[in-house]
Amino acid sequence: MSPSRPHSRFSDQLPALTAGCAQVLSEKELATKLALGRPLKVKLGVDPTSPDIHLGHTVGLSKLRQFQELGHEAILIIGDFTAMIGDPSGRSATRPHLSHDQVMEHAKTYQDQAFKILDPEKTSVRFNGEWFGKMTFQDVMRLNSRVTLQQMLQREDFRERIDKGLPVRAHEIQYPIMQGWDSVVIQADVELGGTDQLFNILVGRDLQHEEAQHQQVAMMLPILTGLDGIQKMSKSLGNAVGVTEVPGEMFGKLMSISDEQMGEYYRLLLHEELSAETHPMEAKKSLAERLTARFHSAAEAKHARDEFELRFSKKDLEAADLPSYTPAADIPLDIISIGVDAFDRVFAIKKSRGDIRRLVEGGSVSWRGEKVTDPKAVLTLDGSGVLKLDRKSAVRVG
């Protein structure tokens, strides 16, 4: 009878670590790595293309935190060089170009915000400028020789843009190569990313193979939809909830998600299933309160909920602490224009004129307690008043 193999302290972690993943390439490889009995190097990359982290980013950060708590090495790559290109994944157009100074200004807040989730004592933070900033043009050429143009153009988003006659800039093709080289430099065992990152992570596996390294496991996480319920959460799309937003604003934005989105938000942000027995409104308030408490405090979250209920559940808008809004001098005073502008400037939510028209015609809009049902109505701003835009959003005008 052959002696049994020594039991690894990480061997039993596979079910917990793969829970909530959309795809793992592959679970067998991950099980093999866990059986080695050493902490794994787990990589998550973020590009500071804006100054703030939003709830969509926290899906990957939470999985990285789970690896930390189970004894593995968490490596947060802040892409000060890749951010100057901008990840083209899922994009129908080239991202605006950012300078390195702009990126580094954004990066100042990224670590502090990421540490709202990660344990700073157990996190290795690396800027990929550490290695890309030292490369000569000859080094870049050699790196580019590792991949083919045909390989890069297999990307679905690139193919779609080419088929539509839209440009794919040469610098965008560099992005997957650079992300892949990050994995080579840190010798990643696992890379975390949204499902739109699969191509980039597979490039990393190919480059590691060429460098005679063990290939990283690709752990693909679901992508959180934004407040519009359609597109991925993104600051540039105006459908995001930032982790540093004030409690009342965070709570209010979360109350604006659709009932259909709640199951997704419970799974990806609270890591639990939404009970079918819970009333949708109570489920949404609980979700908003718990997430607000996570990034602020229980007391601030409770106050945000109380204010929301005062404003919308009890209909006592005049007594509520509402955000103020003053139309810009060049904004027409018709209810449609005012509604579009108020949603954008006060709540950072993009609404079309058609969206506001539907709210008006559906009886959701009121001015000084009186419903506005005519889409052509013009507001008379002779003093202050409360403008209710929908059942979750109201402002104090004047």
Protein backbone atom coordinates (compact mmCIF):
# COMPACT_ATOMS: atom_id res chain seq x y z
CA MET A 1 0.00 0.00 0.00
CA SER A 2 1.58 3.30 -1.07
CA PRO A 3 1.88 6.07 1.52
CA SER A 4 -0.74 8.80 1.28
CA ARG A 5 0.32 12.20 -0.02
CA PRO A 6 0.63 14.95 2.59
CA HIS A 7 -2.52 17.07 2.81
CA SER A 8 -2.13 20.69 1.65
CA ARG A 9 -3.68 23.37 3.83
CA PHE A 10 -5.05 24.93 0.62
CA SER A 11 -6.50 21.78 -0.98
CA ASP A 12 -10.01 22.23 0.42
CA GLN A 13 -10.38 25.81 -0.85
CA LEU A 14 -11.43 25.06 -4.43
CA PRO A 15 -15.23 25.20 -3.90
CA ALA A 16 -15.05 28.46 -1.96
CA LEU A 17 -12.69 30.16 -4.41
CA THR A 18 -14.63 29.19 -7.53
CA ALA A 19 -17.98 30.19 -6.01
CA GLY A 20 -19.49 33.14 -7.84
CA CYS A 21 -17.17 32.86 -10.86
CA ALA A 22 -18.62 32.93 -14.35
CA GLN A 23 -15.80 30.76 -15.73
CA VAL A 24 -12.54 29.24 -14.49
CA LEU A 25 -9.84 28.08 -16.92
CA SER A 26 -9.40 25.68 -15.48
CA GLU A 27 -10.64 24.32 -12.17
CA LYS A 28 -8.33 21.34 -12.60
CA GLU A 29 -5.30 23.65 -12.94
CA LEU A 30 -6.41 25.64 -9.89
CA ALA A 31 -6.79 22.44 -7.86
CA THR A 32 -3.27 21.41 -8.90
CA LYS A 33 -1.85 24.78 -7.84
CA LEU A 34 -3.67 24.66 -4.49
CA ALA A 35 -2.27 21.18 -3.87
CA LEU A 36 1.28 22.57 -4.05
CA GLY A 37 0.85 23.76 -0.48
CA ARG A 38 2.17 27.29 -1.04
CA PRO A 39 0.33 30.62 -1.19
CA LEU A 40 -0.66 31.50 -4.75
CA LYS A 41 0.17 34.81 -6.40
CA VAL A 42 -3.22 36.24 -7.30
CA LYS A 43 -3.30 39.21 -9.66
CA LEU A 44 -5.98 41.85 -10.20
CA GLY A 45 -5.29 44.82 -12.44
CA VAL A 46 -7.07 48.18 -12.31
CA ASP A 47 -6.51 51.13 -14.62
CA PRO A 48 -6.95 54.59 -13.07
CA THR A 49 -8.76 56.07 -16.07
CA SER A 50 -10.91 58.08 -13.62
CA PRO A 51 -10.31 59.16 -10.01
CA ASP A 52 -12.85 56.82 -8.44
CA ILE A 53 -13.55 53.14 -7.93
CA HIS A 54 -17.20 52.13 -8.31
CA LEU A 55 -19.23 49.14 -7.15
CA GLY A 56 -18.45 47.25 -10.36
CA HIS A 57 -14.76 47.24 -9.40
CA THR A 58 -15.58 45.78 -6.00
CA VAL A 59 -16.63 42.44 -7.52
CA GLY A 60 -13.00 41.64 -8.39
CA LEU A 61 -11.64 43.30 -5.25
CA SER A 62 -13.90 41.17 -3.06
CA LYS A 63 -12.68 37.97 -4.72
CA LEU A 64 -9.09 39.13 -4.21
CA ARG A 65 -9.91 39.77 -0.54
CA GLN A 66 -11.22 36.21 -0.27
CA PHE A 67 -7.90 34.89 -1.55
CA GLN A 68 -6.16 37.07 1.05
CA GLU A 69 -8.26 35.70 3.88
CA LEU A 70 -7.44 32.16 2.78
CA GLY A 71 -3.71 32.80 3.00
CA HIS A 72 -2.74 33.72 -0.56
CA GLU A 73 -0.68 36.64 -1.88
CA ALA A 74 -2.84 39.43 -3.31
CA ILE A 75 -1.15 41.55 -5.97
CA LEU A 76 -2.97 44.70 -7.07
CA ILE A 77 -1.57 46.01 -10.35
CA ILE A 78 -2.27 49.70 -10.84
CA GLY A 79 -1.89 50.22 -14.56
CA ASP A 80 -0.28 53.62 -14.81
CA PHE A 81 1.02 52.66 -18.29
CA THR A 82 -1.91 50.56 -19.52
CA ALA A 83 -4.33 53.32 -18.46
CA MET A 84 -2.73 55.64 -21.00
CA ILE A 85 -4.02 53.25 -23.69
CA GLY A 86 -7.28 52.34 -21.97
CA ASP A 87 -8.66 48.81 -22.06
CA PRO A 88 -10.50 48.36 -25.40
CA SER A 89 -12.44 45.34 -24.05
CA GLY A 90 -16.11 45.69 -24.92
CA ARG A 91 -15.59 49.14 -26.41
CA SER A 92 -17.19 50.21 -29.67
CA ALA A 93 -14.82 53.18 -30.00
CA THR A 94 -11.27 54.15 -29.08
CA ARG A 95 -10.92 55.48 -25.54
CA PRO A 96 -9.75 59.10 -25.06
CA HIS A 97 -5.99 59.28 -24.59
CA LEU A 98 -4.77 60.15 -21.08
CA SER A 99 -1.37 61.56 -20.19
CA HIS A 100 0.77 59.88 -17.55
CA ASP A 101 0.30 62.92 -15.28
CA GLN A 102 -3.50 62.56 -15.53
CA VAL A 103 -3.29 58.84 -14.77
CA MET A 104 -1.03 59.35 -11.74
CA GLU A 105 -3.38 62.02 -10.40
CA HIS A 106 -6.23 59.51 -10.60
CA ALA A 107 -4.06 56.80 -9.06
CA LYS A 108 -3.61 58.80 -5.85
CA THR A 109 -7.09 57.84 -4.71
CA TYR A 110 -7.15 54.29 -6.08
CA GLN A 111 -5.17 52.65 -3.31
CA ASP A 112 -7.16 54.29 -0.52
CA GLN A 113 -10.42 53.27 -2.16
CA ALA A 114 -9.26 49.72 -2.88
CA PHE A 115 -8.27 49.35 0.78
CA LYS A 116 -11.90 49.84 1.76
CA ILE A 117 -12.11 46.18 0.67
CA LEU A 118 -8.57 44.79 0.66
CA ASP A 119 -6.37 44.28 3.72
CA PRO A 120 -3.53 46.78 3.15
CA GLU A 121 -1.16 44.72 5.31
CA LYS A 122 -1.60 41.72 3.02
CA THR A 123 -1.66 43.51 -0.35
CA SER A 124 1.27 43.98 -2.69
CA VAL A 125 0.63 47.07 -4.84
CA ARG A 126 2.61 47.30 -8.08
CA PHE A 127 2.53 49.97 -10.78
CA ASN A 128 3.23 48.50 -14.21
CA GLY A 129 5.27 51.57 -15.02
CA GLU A 130 7.95 49.83 -12.93
CA TRP A 131 8.76 47.62 -15.92
CA PHE A 132 7.21 49.35 -18.92
CA GLY A 133 8.88 52.65 -18.05
CA LYS A 134 12.30 50.98 -18.38
CA MET A 135 11.67 49.39 -21.77
CA THR A 136 13.54 50.61 -24.84
CA PHE A 137 11.84 50.70 -28.22
CA GLN A 138 13.80 47.56 -29.07
CA ASP A 139 12.27 45.85 -26.02
CA VAL A 140 8.81 46.87 -27.18
CA MET A 141 9.46 45.48 -30.66
CA ARG A 142 10.63 42.17 -29.20
CA LEU A 143 7.52 41.97 -27.03
CA ASN A 144 5.29 42.67 -30.03
CA SER A 145 6.99 39.88 -31.95
CA ARG A 146 5.50 37.39 -29.46
CA VAL A 147 1.99 37.79 -30.91
CA THR A 148 0.49 37.97 -34.40
CA LEU A 149 -1.88 40.54 -35.83
CA GLN A 150 -4.28 37.71 -36.65
CA GLN A 151 -4.24 36.69 -32.98
CA MET A 152 -5.08 40.23 -31.82
CA LEU A 153 -7.85 40.62 -34.39
CA GLN A 154 -9.58 37.53 -33.04
CA ARG A 155 -10.96 39.80 -30.34
CA GLU A 156 -14.70 40.13 -30.82
CA ASP A 157 -14.77 43.87 -30.13
CA PHE A 158 -11.99 44.53 -32.65
CA ARG A 159 -13.70 42.37 -35.29
CA GLU A 160 -17.02 44.14 -34.79
CA ARG A 161 -15.43 47.55 -35.18
CA ILE A 162 -13.63 46.49 -38.36
CA ASP A 163 -16.82 44.96 -39.78
CA LYS A 164 -18.62 48.27 -39.11
CA GLY A 165 -15.84 50.29 -40.72
CA LEU A 166 -14.83 51.81 -37.37
CA PRO A 167 -11.14 52.40 -36.61
CA VAL A 168 -9.00 50.14 -34.43
CA ARG A 169 -5.93 52.14 -33.50
CA ALA A 170 -2.54 50.42 -33.48
CA HIS A 171 -1.89 51.40 -29.86
CA GLU A 172 -5.06 49.55 -28.74
CA ILE A 173 -3.56 46.28 -29.92
CA GLN A 174 -0.78 46.82 -27.39
CA TYR A 175 -3.16 46.59 -24.45
CA PRO A 176 -3.62 42.79 -24.24
CA ILE A 177 0.14 42.33 -24.74
CA MET A 178 0.92 44.73 -21.89
CA GLN A 179 -1.62 43.16 -19.55
CA GLY A 180 -0.21 39.75 -20.39
CA TRP A 181 3.35 40.89 -19.72
CA ASP A 182 2.28 42.08 -16.26
CA SER A 183 1.53 38.43 -15.48
CA VAL A 184 4.98 37.36 -16.67
CA VAL A 185 6.74 39.96 -14.53
CA ILE A 186 4.97 39.03 -11.29
CA GLN A 187 4.73 35.31 -12.22
CA ALA A 188 0.99 35.22 -11.48
CA ASP A 189 -0.64 31.92 -10.55
CA VAL A 190 -4.16 33.31 -10.92
CA GLU A 191 -5.55 36.38 -12.66
CA LEU A 192 -8.97 37.79 -11.81
CA GLY A 193 -11.05 39.75 -14.31
CA GLY A 194 -14.51 40.38 -15.66
CA THR A 195 -15.80 38.12 -18.41
CA ASP A 196 -14.74 40.74 -20.97
CA GLN A 197 -11.11 40.22 -19.88
CA LEU A 198 -10.81 36.61 -21.06
CA PHE A 199 -8.84 37.41 -24.22
CA ASN A 200 -6.33 39.57 -22.33
CA ILE A 201 -5.80 36.94 -19.64
CA LEU A 202 -5.28 34.20 -22.23
CA VAL A 203 -2.58 36.34 -23.85
CA GLY A 204 -0.91 36.37 -20.44
CA ARG A 205 -1.03 32.56 -20.33
CA ASP A 206 0.59 32.37 -23.77
CA LEU A 207 3.39 34.74 -22.78
CA GLN A 208 4.02 32.85 -19.54
CA HIS A 209 4.27 29.60 -21.52
CA GLU A 210 6.86 31.17 -23.82
CA GLU A 211 8.82 32.27 -20.74
CA ALA A 212 8.75 28.70 -19.35
CA GLN A 213 6.55 29.79 -16.44
CA HIS A 214 3.56 27.96 -15.06
CA GLN A 215 0.48 29.41 -16.73
CA GLN A 216 -1.94 31.46 -14.69
CA VAL A 217 -5.48 30.30 -14.04
CA ALA A 218 -8.09 32.63 -15.54
CA MET A 219 -10.88 33.36 -13.05
CA MET A 220 -13.63 35.23 -14.83
CA LEU A 221 -16.14 37.14 -12.73
CA PRO A 222 -19.59 38.35 -13.75
CA ILE A 223 -19.85 42.00 -14.80
CA LEU A 224 -22.14 44.22 -12.73
CA THR A 225 -24.68 46.16 -14.78
CA GLY A 226 -25.02 49.84 -14.06
CA LEU A 227 -27.97 51.86 -12.83
CA ASP A 228 -29.46 51.84 -16.33
CA GLY A 229 -29.82 48.05 -16.12
CA ILE A 230 -28.34 47.63 -19.61
CA GLN A 231 -24.63 48.40 -19.85
CA LYS A 232 -21.75 47.50 -17.53
CA MET A 233 -21.25 49.89 -14.65
CA SER A 234 -18.96 52.68 -15.81
CA LYS A 235 -18.23 56.23 -14.74
CA SER A 236 -17.99 57.30 -18.38
CA LEU A 237 -21.51 55.98 -19.04
CA GLY A 238 -22.96 57.85 -16.06
CA ASN A 239 -24.49 54.69 -14.56
CA ALA A 240 -22.06 54.06 -11.68
CA VAL A 241 -22.13 54.20 -7.89
CA GLY A 242 -18.75 55.35 -6.56
CA VAL A 243 -17.46 53.87 -3.31
CA THR A 244 -16.69 57.36 -1.97
CA GLU A 245 -20.07 58.93 -2.73
CA VAL A 246 -21.76 60.49 0.28
CA PRO A 247 -24.17 58.14 2.11
CA GLY A 248 -27.39 59.79 0.99
CA GLU A 249 -26.34 59.85 -2.65
CA MET A 250 -25.11 56.24 -2.53
CA PHE A 251 -28.33 55.05 -0.89
CA GLY A 252 -30.50 56.99 -3.36
CA LYS A 253 -28.66 55.70 -6.42
CA LEU A 254 -28.97 52.10 -5.21
CA MET A 255 -32.69 52.61 -4.71
CA SER A 256 -32.93 53.50 -8.41
CA ILE A 257 -31.97 50.02 -9.68
CA SER A 258 -34.77 47.96 -11.15
CA ASP A 259 -36.41 45.08 -9.31
CA GLU A 260 -34.99 42.78 -11.99
CA GLN A 261 -31.43 43.82 -11.07
CA MET A 262 -31.73 43.11 -7.36
CA GLY A 263 -30.88 39.42 -7.63
CA GLU A 264 -27.69 40.31 -9.51
CA TYR A 265 -26.69 42.96 -6.94
CA TYR A 266 -27.35 40.59 -4.03
CA ARG A 267 -25.21 37.86 -5.61
CA LEU A 268 -22.31 40.00 -6.79
CA LEU A 269 -22.13 42.60 -4.01
CA LEU A 270 -23.58 40.89 -0.93
CA HIS A 271 -22.60 37.34 -1.98
CA GLU A 272 -25.99 35.87 -1.12
CA GLU A 273 -29.21 34.93 -2.83
CA LEU A 274 -32.19 37.24 -2.63
CA SER A 275 -35.05 35.55 -0.81
CA ALA A 276 -38.22 35.30 -2.89
CA GLU A 277 -40.21 35.92 0.28
CA THR A 278 -38.80 39.41 0.81
CA HIS A 279 -40.93 42.30 -0.47
CA PRO A 280 -39.07 44.01 -3.36
CA MET A 281 -39.08 47.45 -1.71
CA GLU A 282 -37.76 46.10 1.59
CA ALA A 283 -35.16 44.04 -0.27
CA LYS A 284 -33.96 47.14 -2.10
CA LYS A 285 -33.80 49.25 1.07
CA SER A 286 -31.86 46.50 2.82
CA LEU A 287 -29.44 46.24 -0.10
CA ALA A 288 -28.90 50.01 -0.19
CA GLU A 289 -28.47 50.27 3.58
CA ARG A 290 -26.00 47.38 3.83
CA LEU A 291 -23.84 48.61 0.95
CA THR A 292 -23.87 52.19 2.27
CA ALA A 293 -22.83 50.88 5.70
CA ARG A 294 -19.98 48.91 4.11
CA PHE A 295 -18.34 52.04 2.72
CA HIS A 296 -19.39 54.48 5.46
CA SER A 297 -20.91 53.41 8.79
CA ALA A 298 -24.05 51.73 10.08
CA ALA A 299 -25.22 55.03 11.61
CA GLU A 300 -24.75 56.95 8.36
CA ALA A 301 -26.51 54.23 6.39
CA LYS A 302 -29.43 54.26 8.82
CA HIS A 303 -29.67 58.05 8.52
CA ALA A 304 -29.63 57.78 4.71
CA ARG A 305 -32.47 55.25 4.87
CA ASP A 306 -34.47 57.42 7.27
CA GLU A 307 -34.05 60.42 4.98
CA PHE A 308 -35.10 58.39 1.97
CA GLU A 309 -38.22 57.13 3.72
CA LEU A 310 -39.04 60.65 4.87
CA ARG A 311 -38.70 61.96 1.36
CA PHE A 312 -40.42 59.21 -0.57
CA SER A 313 -42.25 56.76 1.65
CA LYS A 314 -43.88 59.35 3.88
CA LYS A 315 -44.27 61.89 1.05
CA ASP A 316 -42.97 64.67 3.34
CA LEU A 317 -40.65 66.21 0.77
CA GLU A 318 -40.79 69.75 2.16
CA ALA A 319 -39.23 68.58 5.46
CA ALA A 320 -36.61 66.36 3.84
CA ASP A 321 -32.93 67.15 3.36
CA LEU A 322 -32.97 67.34 -0.46
CA PRO A 323 -30.09 68.15 -2.78
CA SER A 324 -30.28 71.67 -4.16
CA TYR A 325 -30.52 72.40 -7.86
CA THR A 326 -30.35 75.65 -9.80
CA PRO A 327 -30.79 75.49 -13.58
CA ALA A 328 -27.91 76.92 -15.57
CA ALA A 329 -28.62 80.22 -17.27
CA ASP A 330 -28.72 78.61 -20.72
CA ILE A 331 -31.11 75.77 -19.74
CA PRO A 332 -34.66 76.19 -21.09
CA LEU A 333 -37.25 76.06 -18.30
CA ASP A 334 -39.49 73.46 -19.90
CA ILE A 335 -39.95 70.39 -17.70
CA ILE A 336 -38.16 68.06 -20.14
CA SER A 337 -34.97 70.16 -20.29
CA ILE A 338 -35.02 70.75 -16.52
CA GLY A 339 -35.49 67.03 -15.84
CA VAL A 340 -32.60 65.96 -18.09
CA ASP A 341 -30.29 68.59 -16.56
CA ALA A 342 -31.25 67.83 -12.92
CA PHE A 343 -30.72 64.08 -13.28
CA ASP A 344 -27.33 64.68 -14.91
CA ARG A 345 -25.92 67.38 -12.63
CA VAL A 346 -27.41 66.34 -9.29
CA PHE A 347 -27.60 62.54 -9.52
CA ALA A 348 -25.01 61.86 -12.27
CA ILE A 349 -27.64 59.78 -14.08
CA LYS A 350 -28.01 60.14 -17.84
CA LYS A 351 -31.65 60.44 -18.88
CA SER A 352 -32.84 61.12 -22.40
CA ARG A 353 -35.59 63.60 -23.22
CA GLY A 354 -37.76 60.59 -24.02
CA ASP A 355 -37.10 59.16 -20.53
CA ILE A 356 -38.29 62.42 -18.91
CA ARG A 357 -41.30 62.61 -21.20
CA ARG A 358 -42.36 59.13 -20.08
CA LEU A 359 -41.96 60.11 -16.41
CA VAL A 360 -44.12 63.19 -16.97
CA GLU A 361 -46.82 61.37 -18.92
CA GLY A 362 -46.80 58.57 -16.31
CA GLY A 363 -47.56 61.01 -13.49
CA SER A 364 -44.22 60.66 -11.68
CA VAL A 365 -43.19 64.33 -11.87
CA SER A 366 -44.51 67.02 -9.55
CA TRP A 367 -43.62 70.66 -8.86
CA ARG A 368 -44.48 72.18 -5.48
CA GLY A 369 -46.76 69.27 -4.72
CA GLU A 370 -48.72 69.46 -7.98
CA LYS A 371 -48.33 66.81 -10.67
CA VAL A 372 -46.89 67.92 -14.00
CA THR A 373 -48.50 65.88 -16.76
CA ASP A 374 -47.88 68.14 -19.77
CA PRO A 375 -44.46 67.47 -21.39
CA LYS A 376 -44.53 71.04 -22.75
CA ALA A 377 -45.04 72.60 -19.32
CA VAL A 378 -42.71 75.45 -18.39
CA LEU A 379 -41.73 75.89 -14.74
CA THR A 380 -42.20 79.28 -13.11
CA LEU A 381 -39.17 79.67 -10.85
CA ASP A 382 -40.38 82.53 -8.64
CA GLY A 383 -38.85 81.32 -5.41
CA SER A 384 -37.87 77.92 -4.09
CA GLY A 385 -39.80 74.71 -4.46
CA VAL A 386 -39.48 70.92 -4.54
CA LEU A 387 -39.27 69.20 -7.93
CA LYS A 388 -40.00 65.47 -7.71
CA LEU A 389 -38.58 63.72 -10.75
CA ASP A 390 -39.58 60.15 -9.99
CA ARG A 391 -40.40 58.08 -6.93
CA LYS A 392 -36.74 58.03 -5.86
CA SER A 393 -35.33 61.39 -6.99
CA ALA A 394 -36.26 64.89 -5.90
CA VAL A 395 -34.45 68.24 -5.69
CA ARG A 396 -34.98 71.58 -4.02
CA VAL A 397 -34.96 74.24 -6.73
CA GLY A 398 -33.89 77.82 -6.10
